[in-house]
Amino acid sequence: MPANRFTGTALTPSDPAQSVFEVTPSDTTDLPHVTLALNVATPGTVRVTTLDGTVSDIAIAAGVAFPLRVSRVWATGTTAGGIRGLT
């Protein structure tokens, strides 16, 4: 594994993501981690609950990291596919 020159530095919200996880939309289950951003393979709408508890529908283009702190991605109302959470 390559050396990480940034070990020991404080993270800020504007830093790039350090990991990626597959998101399975669910109307009942929160994500394992709050995201820094979302990415989708197939464009469409993603219904989310943001960190402050707001539920909203967001249009996301494929291949773009959409910066948004999300605690849940809802199955109902989500049409985008291949959703990844960036943390």
PDB file of N, CA and C in Angstrom:
ATOM      1  N   MET A   1       0.844  -1.173   0.000  1.00  0.00           N
ATOM      2  CA  MET A   1       0.000   0.000   0.000  1.00  0.00           C
ATOM      3  C   MET A   1       0.892   1.240   0.000  1.00  0.00           C
ATOM      4  N   PRO A   2       0.569   2.250  -0.800  1.00  0.00           N
ATOM      5  CA  PRO A   2       1.394   3.457  -0.843  1.00  0.00           C
ATOM      6  C   PRO A   2       1.300   4.250   0.460  1.00  0.00           C
ATOM      7  N   ALA A   3       2.329   5.018   0.738  1.00  0.00           N
ATOM      8  CA  ALA A   3       2.346   5.868   1.925  1.00  0.00           C
ATOM      9  C   ALA A   3       1.323   6.992   1.783  1.00  0.00           C
ATOM     10  N   ASN A   4       0.633   7.296   2.874  1.00  0.00           N
ATOM     11  CA  ASN A   4      -0.347   8.386   2.887  1.00  0.00           C
ATOM     12  C   ASN A   4       0.310   9.607   3.513  1.00  0.00           C
ATOM     13  N   ARG A   5       0.646  10.581   2.694  1.00  0.00           N
ATOM     14  CA  ARG A   5       1.328  11.793   3.170  1.00  0.00           C
ATOM     15  C   ARG A   5       0.411  12.661   4.023  1.00  0.00           C
ATOM     16  N   PHE A   6      -0.889  12.368   4.047  1.00  0.00           N
ATOM     17  CA  PHE A   6      -1.840  13.213   4.770  1.00  0.00           C
ATOM     18  C   PHE A   6      -2.255  12.621   6.115  1.00  0.00           C
ATOM     19  N   THR A   7      -1.655  11.521   6.515  1.00  0.00           N
ATOM     20  CA  THR A   7      -1.955  10.928   7.812  1.00  0.00           C
ATOM     21  C   THR A   7      -1.661  11.948   8.904  1.00  0.00           C
ATOM     22  N   GLY A   8      -2.598  12.101   9.815  1.00  0.00           N
ATOM     23  CA  GLY A   8      -2.410  13.025  10.926  1.00  0.00           C
ATOM     24  C   GLY A   8      -2.892  14.433  10.671  1.00  0.00           C
ATOM     25  N   THR A   9      -3.339  14.719   9.449  1.00  0.00           N
ATOM     26  CA  THR A   9      -3.870  16.059   9.180  1.00  0.00           C
ATOM     27  C   THR A   9      -5.370  16.072   9.459  1.00  0.00           C
ATOM     28  N   ALA A  10      -5.863  17.205   9.902  1.00  0.00           N
ATOM     29  CA  ALA A  10      -7.293  17.344  10.204  1.00  0.00           C
ATOM     30  C   ALA A  10      -8.106  17.370   8.916  1.00  0.00           C
ATOM     31  N   LEU A  11      -9.238  16.665   8.928  1.00  0.00           N
ATOM     32  CA  LEU A  11     -10.131  16.656   7.769  1.00  0.00           C
ATOM     33  C   LEU A  11     -11.096  17.824   7.854  1.00  0.00           C
ATOM     34  N   THR A  12     -11.429  18.383   6.699  1.00  0.00           N
ATOM     35  CA  THR A  12     -12.433  19.444   6.612  1.00  0.00           C
ATOM     36  C   THR A  12     -13.494  19.021   5.604  1.00  0.00           C
ATOM     37  N   PRO A  13     -14.701  19.613   5.657  1.00  0.00           N
ATOM     38  CA  PRO A  13     -15.760  19.225   4.715  1.00  0.00           C
ATOM     39  C   PRO A  13     -15.398  19.419   3.245  1.00  0.00           C
ATOM     40  N   SER A  14     -14.442  20.279   2.956  1.00  0.00           N
ATOM     41  CA  SER A  14     -14.076  20.514   1.556  1.00  0.00           C
ATOM     42  C   SER A  14     -13.012  19.544   1.050  1.00  0.00           C
ATOM     43  N   ASP A  15     -12.497  18.683   1.924  1.00  0.00           N
ATOM     44  CA  ASP A  15     -11.506  17.697   1.500  1.00  0.00           C
ATOM     45  C   ASP A  15     -12.141  16.666   0.581  1.00  0.00           C
ATOM     46  N   PRO A  16     -11.346  16.041  -0.289  1.00  0.00           N
ATOM     47  CA  PRO A  16     -11.891  14.974  -1.135  1.00  0.00           C
ATOM     48  C   PRO A  16     -12.285  13.770  -0.296  1.00  0.00           C
ATOM     49  N   ALA A  17     -13.190  12.991  -0.826  1.00  0.00           N
ATOM     50  CA  ALA A  17     -13.645  11.786  -0.143  1.00  0.00           C
ATOM     51  C   ALA A  17     -12.483  10.807   0.017  1.00  0.00           C
ATOM     52  N   GLN A  18     -12.558  10.007   1.088  1.00  0.00           N
ATOM     53  CA  GLN A  18     -11.529   9.005   1.347  1.00  0.00           C
ATOM     54  C   GLN A  18     -12.014   7.595   1.070  1.00  0.00           C
ATOM     55  N   SER A  19     -13.348   7.432   0.954  1.00  0.00           N
ATOM     56  CA  SER A  19     -13.871   6.100   0.664  1.00  0.00           C
ATOM     57  C   SER A  19     -15.182   6.215  -0.101  1.00  0.00           C
ATOM     58  N   VAL A  20     -15.566   5.090  -0.690  1.00  0.00           N
ATOM     59  CA  VAL A  20     -16.783   5.014  -1.491  1.00  0.00           C
ATOM     60  C   VAL A  20     -17.536   3.759  -1.056  1.00  0.00           C
ATOM     61  N   PHE A  21     -18.859   3.869  -0.953  1.00  0.00           N
ATOM     62  CA  PHE A  21     -19.653   2.687  -0.624  1.00  0.00           C
ATOM     63  C   PHE A  21     -20.910   2.649  -1.486  1.00  0.00           C
ATOM     64  N   GLU A  22     -21.363   1.437  -1.772  1.00  0.00           N
ATOM     65  CA  GLU A  22     -22.579   1.241  -2.553  1.00  0.00           C
ATOM     66  C   GLU A  22     -23.786   1.619  -1.707  1.00  0.00           C
ATOM     67  N   VAL A  23     -24.712   2.347  -2.312  1.00  0.00           N
ATOM     68  CA  VAL A  23     -25.931   2.766  -1.623  1.00  0.00           C
ATOM     69  C   VAL A  23     -27.101   1.947  -2.143  1.00  0.00           C
ATOM     70  N   THR A  24     -27.796   1.300  -1.238  1.00  0.00           N
ATOM     71  CA  THR A  24     -29.043   0.616  -1.561  1.00  0.00           C
ATOM     72  C   THR A  24     -30.177   1.468  -1.017  1.00  0.00           C
ATOM     73  N   PRO A  25     -30.954   2.104  -1.897  1.00  0.00           N
ATOM     74  CA  PRO A  25     -32.034   2.958  -1.418  1.00  0.00           C
ATOM     75  C   PRO A  25     -33.018   2.186  -0.536  1.00  0.00           C
ATOM     76  N   SER A  26     -33.471   2.843   0.531  1.00  0.00           N
ATOM     77  CA  SER A  26     -34.395   2.216   1.474  1.00  0.00           C
ATOM     78  C   SER A  26     -35.276   3.283   2.102  1.00  0.00           C
ATOM     79  N   ASP A  27     -36.554   2.956   2.252  1.00  0.00           N
ATOM     80  CA  ASP A  27     -37.476   3.875   2.915  1.00  0.00           C
ATOM     81  C   ASP A  27     -37.431   3.751   4.433  1.00  0.00           C
ATOM     82  N   THR A  28     -36.677   2.791   4.954  1.00  0.00           N
ATOM     83  CA  THR A  28     -36.669   2.549   6.400  1.00  0.00           C
ATOM     84  C   THR A  28     -35.290   2.560   7.048  1.00  0.00           C
ATOM     85  N   THR A  29     -34.221   2.493   6.257  1.00  0.00           N
ATOM     86  CA  THR A  29     -32.882   2.341   6.826  1.00  0.00           C
ATOM     87  C   THR A  29     -31.974   3.494   6.416  1.00  0.00           C
ATOM     88  N   ASP A  30     -31.306   4.083   7.398  1.00  0.00           N
ATOM     89  CA  ASP A  30     -30.324   5.124   7.125  1.00  0.00           C
ATOM     90  C   ASP A  30     -29.047   4.518   6.549  1.00  0.00           C
ATOM     91  N   LEU A  31     -28.237   5.348   5.928  1.00  0.00           N
ATOM     92  CA  LEU A  31     -26.947   4.918   5.403  1.00  0.00           C
ATOM     93  C   LEU A  31     -25.999   4.596   6.553  1.00  0.00           C
ATOM     94  N   PRO A  32     -24.980   3.761   6.311  1.00  0.00           N
ATOM     95  CA  PRO A  32     -24.031   3.456   7.375  1.00  0.00           C
ATOM     96  C   PRO A  32     -23.151   4.652   7.738  1.00  0.00           C
ATOM     97  N   HIS A  33     -23.014   5.600   6.809  1.00  0.00           N
ATOM     98  CA  HIS A  33     -22.194   6.793   7.022  1.00  0.00           C
ATOM     99  C   HIS A  33     -22.895   7.979   6.359  1.00  0.00           C
ATOM    100  N   VAL A  34     -22.825   9.139   6.972  1.00  0.00           N
ATOM    101  CA  VAL A  34     -23.280  10.363   6.311  1.00  0.00           C
ATOM    102  C   VAL A  34     -22.286  10.677   5.204  1.00  0.00           C
ATOM    103  N   THR A  35     -22.799  11.039   4.050  1.00  0.00           N
ATOM    104  CA  THR A  35     -21.934  11.258   2.887  1.00  0.00           C
ATOM    105  C   THR A  35     -21.350  12.665   2.839  1.00  0.00           C
ATOM    106  N   LEU A  36     -20.258  12.795   2.105  1.00  0.00           N
ATOM    107  CA  LEU A  36     -19.755  14.092   1.669  1.00  0.00           C
ATOM    108  C   LEU A  36     -20.383  14.444   0.320  1.00  0.00           C
ATOM    109  N   ALA A  37     -20.670  13.390  -0.463  1.00  0.00           N
ATOM    110  CA  ALA A  37     -21.214  13.572  -1.803  1.00  0.00           C
ATOM    111  C   ALA A  37     -21.856  12.265  -2.262  1.00  0.00           C
ATOM    112  N   LEU A  38     -22.672  12.384  -3.315  1.00  0.00           N
ATOM    113  CA  LEU A  38     -23.261  11.220  -3.976  1.00  0.00           C
ATOM    114  C   LEU A  38     -22.790  11.192  -5.416  1.00  0.00           C
ATOM    115  N   ASN A  39     -22.707   9.989  -5.968  1.00  0.00           N
ATOM    116  CA  ASN A  39     -22.375   9.785  -7.367  1.00  0.00           C
ATOM    117  C   ASN A  39     -23.328   8.726  -7.894  1.00  0.00           C
ATOM    118  N   VAL A  40     -23.779   8.878  -9.139  1.00  0.00           N
ATOM    119  CA  VAL A  40     -24.671   7.900  -9.748  1.00  0.00           C
ATOM    120  C   VAL A  40     -24.119   7.459 -11.093  1.00  0.00           C
ATOM    121  N   ALA A  41     -24.394   6.208 -11.459  1.00  0.00           N
ATOM    122  CA  ALA A  41     -23.995   5.690 -12.766  1.00  0.00           C
ATOM    123  C   ALA A  41     -25.050   6.008 -13.819  1.00  0.00           C
ATOM    124  N   THR A  42     -26.323   6.013 -13.403  1.00  0.00           N
ATOM    125  CA  THR A  42     -27.436   6.335 -14.282  1.00  0.00           C
ATOM    126  C   THR A  42     -28.113   7.589 -13.755  1.00  0.00           C
ATOM    127  N   PRO A  43     -28.204   8.649 -14.567  1.00  0.00           N
ATOM    128  CA  PRO A  43     -28.771   9.897 -14.063  1.00  0.00           C
ATOM    129  C   PRO A  43     -30.241   9.758 -13.688  1.00  0.00           C
ATOM    130  N   GLY A  44     -30.660  10.621 -12.799  1.00  0.00           N
ATOM    131  CA  GLY A  44     -32.059  10.631 -12.405  1.00  0.00           C
ATOM    132  C   GLY A  44     -32.258  11.373 -11.102  1.00  0.00           C
ATOM    133  N   THR A  45     -33.395  11.112 -10.506  1.00  0.00           N
ATOM    134  CA  THR A  45     -33.753  11.735  -9.237  1.00  0.00           C
ATOM    135  C   THR A  45     -33.334  10.839  -8.092  1.00  0.00           C
ATOM    136  N   VAL A  46     -32.824  11.462  -7.039  1.00  0.00           N
ATOM    137  CA  VAL A  46     -32.499  10.749  -5.810  1.00  0.00           C
ATOM    138  C   VAL A  46     -33.232  11.462  -4.674  1.00  0.00           C
ATOM    139  N   ARG A  47     -34.125  10.732  -4.010  1.00  0.00           N
ATOM    140  CA  ARG A  47     -34.798  11.292  -2.829  1.00  0.00           C
ATOM    141  C   ARG A  47     -33.908  11.016  -1.630  1.00  0.00           C
ATOM    142  N   VAL A  48     -33.586  12.081  -0.908  1.00  0.00           N
ATOM    143  CA  VAL A  48     -32.641  11.977   0.192  1.00  0.00           C
ATOM    144  C   VAL A  48     -33.199  12.611   1.462  1.00  0.00           C
ATOM    145  N   THR A  49     -32.634  12.183   2.573  1.00  0.00           N
ATOM    146  CA  THR A  49     -32.752  12.909   3.833  1.00  0.00           C
ATOM    147  C   THR A  49     -31.377  13.491   4.097  1.00  0.00           C
ATOM    148  N   THR A  50     -31.315  14.815   4.221  1.00  0.00           N
ATOM    149  CA  THR A  50     -30.039  15.474   4.468  1.00  0.00           C
ATOM    150  C   THR A  50     -29.692  15.406   5.950  1.00  0.00           C
ATOM    151  N   LEU A  51     -28.494  15.810   6.277  1.00  0.00           N
ATOM    152  CA  LEU A  51     -28.003  15.738   7.644  1.00  0.00           C
ATOM    153  C   LEU A  51     -28.902  16.491   8.615  1.00  0.00           C
ATOM    154  N   ASP A  52     -29.541  17.574   8.161  1.00  0.00           N
ATOM    155  CA  ASP A  52     -30.419  18.332   9.060  1.00  0.00           C
ATOM    156  C   ASP A  52     -31.847  17.790   9.106  1.00  0.00           C
ATOM    157  N   GLY A  53     -32.107  16.674   8.398  1.00  0.00           N
ATOM    158  CA  GLY A  53     -33.417  16.029   8.442  1.00  0.00           C
ATOM    159  C   GLY A  53     -34.369  16.409   7.326  1.00  0.00           C
ATOM    160  N   THR A  54     -33.951  17.260   6.406  1.00  0.00           N
ATOM    161  CA  THR A  54     -34.782  17.660   5.281  1.00  0.00           C
ATOM    162  C   THR A  54     -34.888  16.520   4.279  1.00  0.00           C
ATOM    163  N   VAL A  55     -36.107  16.237   3.809  1.00  0.00           N
ATOM    164  CA  VAL A  55     -36.314  15.247   2.753  1.00  0.00           C
ATOM    165  C   VAL A  55     -36.561  16.008   1.464  1.00  0.00           C
ATOM    166  N   SER A  56     -35.799  15.671   0.422  1.00  0.00           N
ATOM    167  CA  SER A  56     -35.906  16.405  -0.841  1.00  0.00           C
ATOM    168  C   SER A  56     -35.518  15.509  -2.004  1.00  0.00           C
ATOM    169  N   ASP A  57     -36.040  15.827  -3.182  1.00  0.00           N
ATOM    170  CA  ASP A  57     -35.669  15.146  -4.419  1.00  0.00           C
ATOM    171  C   ASP A  57     -34.599  15.968  -5.122  1.00  0.00           C
ATOM    172  N   ILE A  58     -33.485  15.300  -5.461  1.00  0.00           N
ATOM    173  CA  ILE A  58     -32.337  15.943  -6.086  1.00  0.00           C
ATOM    174  C   ILE A  58     -32.083  15.278  -7.436  1.00  0.00           C
ATOM    175  N   ALA A  59     -31.906  16.077  -8.484  1.00  0.00           N
ATOM    176  CA  ALA A  59     -31.539  15.540  -9.801  1.00  0.00           C
ATOM    177  C   ALA A  59     -30.014  15.486  -9.873  1.00  0.00           C
ATOM    178  N   ILE A  60     -29.494  14.294 -10.168  1.00  0.00           N
ATOM    179  CA  ILE A  60     -28.046  14.115 -10.216  1.00  0.00           C
ATOM    180  C   ILE A  60     -27.649  13.542 -11.573  1.00  0.00           C
ATOM    181  N   ALA A  61     -26.641  14.160 -12.184  1.00  0.00           N
ATOM    182  CA  ALA A  61     -26.106  13.696 -13.464  1.00  0.00           C
ATOM    183  C   ALA A  61     -25.123  12.554 -13.219  1.00  0.00           C
ATOM    184  N   ALA A  62     -25.016  11.667 -14.170  1.00  0.00           N
ATOM    185  CA  ALA A  62     -24.098  10.526 -14.054  1.00  0.00           C
ATOM    186  C   ALA A  62     -22.650  10.993 -14.042  1.00  0.00           C
ATOM    187  N   GLY A  63     -21.848  10.339 -13.203  1.00  0.00           N
ATOM    188  CA  GLY A  63     -20.415  10.581 -13.199  1.00  0.00           C
ATOM    189  C   GLY A  63     -19.965  11.837 -12.497  1.00  0.00           C
ATOM    190  N   VAL A  64     -20.859  12.533 -11.827  1.00  0.00           N
ATOM    191  CA  VAL A  64     -20.521  13.773 -11.144  1.00  0.00           C
ATOM    192  C   VAL A  64     -20.661  13.567  -9.643  1.00  0.00           C
ATOM    193  N   ALA A  65     -19.680  13.994  -8.874  1.00  0.00           N
ATOM    194  CA  ALA A  65     -19.797  13.954  -7.420  1.00  0.00           C
ATOM    195  C   ALA A  65     -20.658  15.139  -6.991  1.00  0.00           C
ATOM    196  N   PHE A  66     -21.866  14.840  -6.505  1.00  0.00           N
ATOM    197  CA  PHE A  66     -22.806  15.871  -6.085  1.00  0.00           C
ATOM    198  C   PHE A  66     -22.611  16.073  -4.584  1.00  0.00           C
ATOM    199  N   PRO A  67     -22.015  17.212  -4.165  1.00  0.00           N
ATOM    200  CA  PRO A  67     -21.688  17.398  -2.751  1.00  0.00           C
ATOM    201  C   PRO A  67     -22.943  17.626  -1.912  1.00  0.00           C
ATOM    202  N   LEU A  68     -23.230  16.671  -1.035  1.00  0.00           N
ATOM    203  CA  LEU A  68     -24.427  16.759  -0.208  1.00  0.00           C
ATOM    204  C   LEU A  68     -24.289  15.812   0.970  1.00  0.00           C
ATOM    205  N   ARG A  69     -24.500  16.316   2.177  1.00  0.00           N
ATOM    206  CA  ARG A  69     -24.467  15.493   3.390  1.00  0.00           C
ATOM    207  C   ARG A  69     -25.808  14.778   3.504  1.00  0.00           C
ATOM    208  N   VAL A  70     -25.800  13.465   3.279  1.00  0.00           N
ATOM    209  CA  VAL A  70     -27.014  12.663   3.209  1.00  0.00           C
ATOM    210  C   VAL A  70     -26.960  11.555   4.255  1.00  0.00           C
ATOM    211  N   SER A  71     -28.065  11.371   4.981  1.00  0.00           N
ATOM    212  CA  SER A  71     -28.142  10.279   5.948  1.00  0.00           C
ATOM    213  C   SER A  71     -29.011   9.124   5.453  1.00  0.00           C
ATOM    214  N   ARG A  72     -29.879   9.393   4.450  1.00  0.00           N
ATOM    215  CA  ARG A  72     -30.710   8.327   3.875  1.00  0.00           C
ATOM    216  C   ARG A  72     -30.947   8.609   2.402  1.00  0.00           C
ATOM    217  N   VAL A  73     -30.954   7.550   1.605  1.00  0.00           N
ATOM    218  CA  VAL A  73     -31.405   7.602   0.215  1.00  0.00           C
ATOM    219  C   VAL A  73     -32.662   6.741   0.154  1.00  0.00           C
ATOM    220  N   TRP A  74     -33.764   7.351  -0.212  1.00  0.00           N
ATOM    221  CA  TRP A  74     -35.071   6.684  -0.222  1.00  0.00           C
ATOM    222  C   TRP A  74     -35.255   5.854  -1.489  1.00  0.00           C
ATOM    223  N   ALA A  75     -35.920   4.704  -1.351  1.00  0.00           N
ATOM    224  CA  ALA A  75     -36.286   3.899  -2.517  1.00  0.00           C
ATOM    225  C   ALA A  75     -37.424   4.579  -3.275  1.00  0.00           C
ATOM    226  N   THR A  76     -38.440   5.046  -2.524  1.00  0.00           N
ATOM    227  CA  THR A  76     -39.565   5.746  -3.128  1.00  0.00           C
ATOM    228  C   THR A  76     -39.078   7.092  -3.651  1.00  0.00           C
ATOM    229  N   GLY A  77     -39.284   7.338  -4.919  1.00  0.00           N
ATOM    230  CA  GLY A  77     -38.908   8.620  -5.515  1.00  0.00           C
ATOM    231  C   GLY A  77     -37.534   8.638  -6.139  1.00  0.00           C
ATOM    232  N   THR A  78     -36.742   7.590  -5.951  1.00  0.00           N
ATOM    233  CA  THR A  78     -35.399   7.531  -6.538  1.00  0.00           C
ATOM    234  C   THR A  78     -35.444   6.787  -7.864  1.00  0.00           C
ATOM    235  N   THR A  79     -34.966   7.456  -8.918  1.00  0.00           N
ATOM    236  CA  THR A  79     -34.932   6.838 -10.242  1.00  0.00           C
ATOM    237  C   THR A  79     -33.502   6.629 -10.737  1.00  0.00           C
ATOM    238  N   ALA A  80     -32.535   7.317 -10.144  1.00  0.00           N
ATOM    239  CA  ALA A  80     -31.135   7.154 -10.535  1.00  0.00           C
ATOM    240  C   ALA A  80     -30.657   5.765 -10.132  1.00  0.00           C
ATOM    241  N   GLY A  81     -29.659   5.272 -10.838  1.00  0.00           N
ATOM    242  CA  GLY A  81     -29.127   3.943 -10.552  1.00  0.00           C
ATOM    243  C   GLY A  81     -27.639   3.962 -10.299  1.00  0.00           C
ATOM    244  N   GLY A  82     -27.127   2.897  -9.715  1.00  0.00           N
ATOM    245  CA  GLY A  82     -25.696   2.796  -9.443  1.00  0.00           C
ATOM    246  C   GLY A  82     -25.228   3.868  -8.487  1.00  0.00           C
ATOM    247  N   ILE A  83     -25.953   4.053  -7.394  1.00  0.00           N
ATOM    248  CA  ILE A  83     -25.664   5.147  -6.464  1.00  0.00           C
ATOM    249  C   ILE A  83     -24.506   4.758  -5.555  1.00  0.00           C
ATOM    250  N   ARG A  84     -23.583   5.681  -5.387  1.00  0.00           N
ATOM    251  CA  ARG A  84     -22.435   5.508  -4.492  1.00  0.00           C
ATOM    252  C   ARG A  84     -22.386   6.682  -3.531  1.00  0.00           C
ATOM    253  N   GLY A  85     -22.069   6.369  -2.281  1.00  0.00           N
ATOM    254  CA  GLY A  85     -21.839   7.406  -1.287  1.00  0.00           C
ATOM    255  C   GLY A  85     -20.341   7.651  -1.149  1.00  0.00           C
ATOM    256  N   LEU A  86     -19.949   8.890  -1.128  1.00  0.00           N
ATOM    257  CA  LEU A  86     -18.542   9.245  -0.952  1.00  0.00           C
ATOM    258  C   LEU A  86     -18.383   9.820   0.445  1.00  0.00           C
ATOM    259  N   THR A  87     -17.420   9.282   1.191  1.00  0.00           N
ATOM    260  CA  THR A  87     -17.193   9.759   2.550  1.00  0.00           C
ATOM    261  C   THR A  87     -15.741  10.090   2.770  1.00  0.00           C
TER     262      THR A  87
END
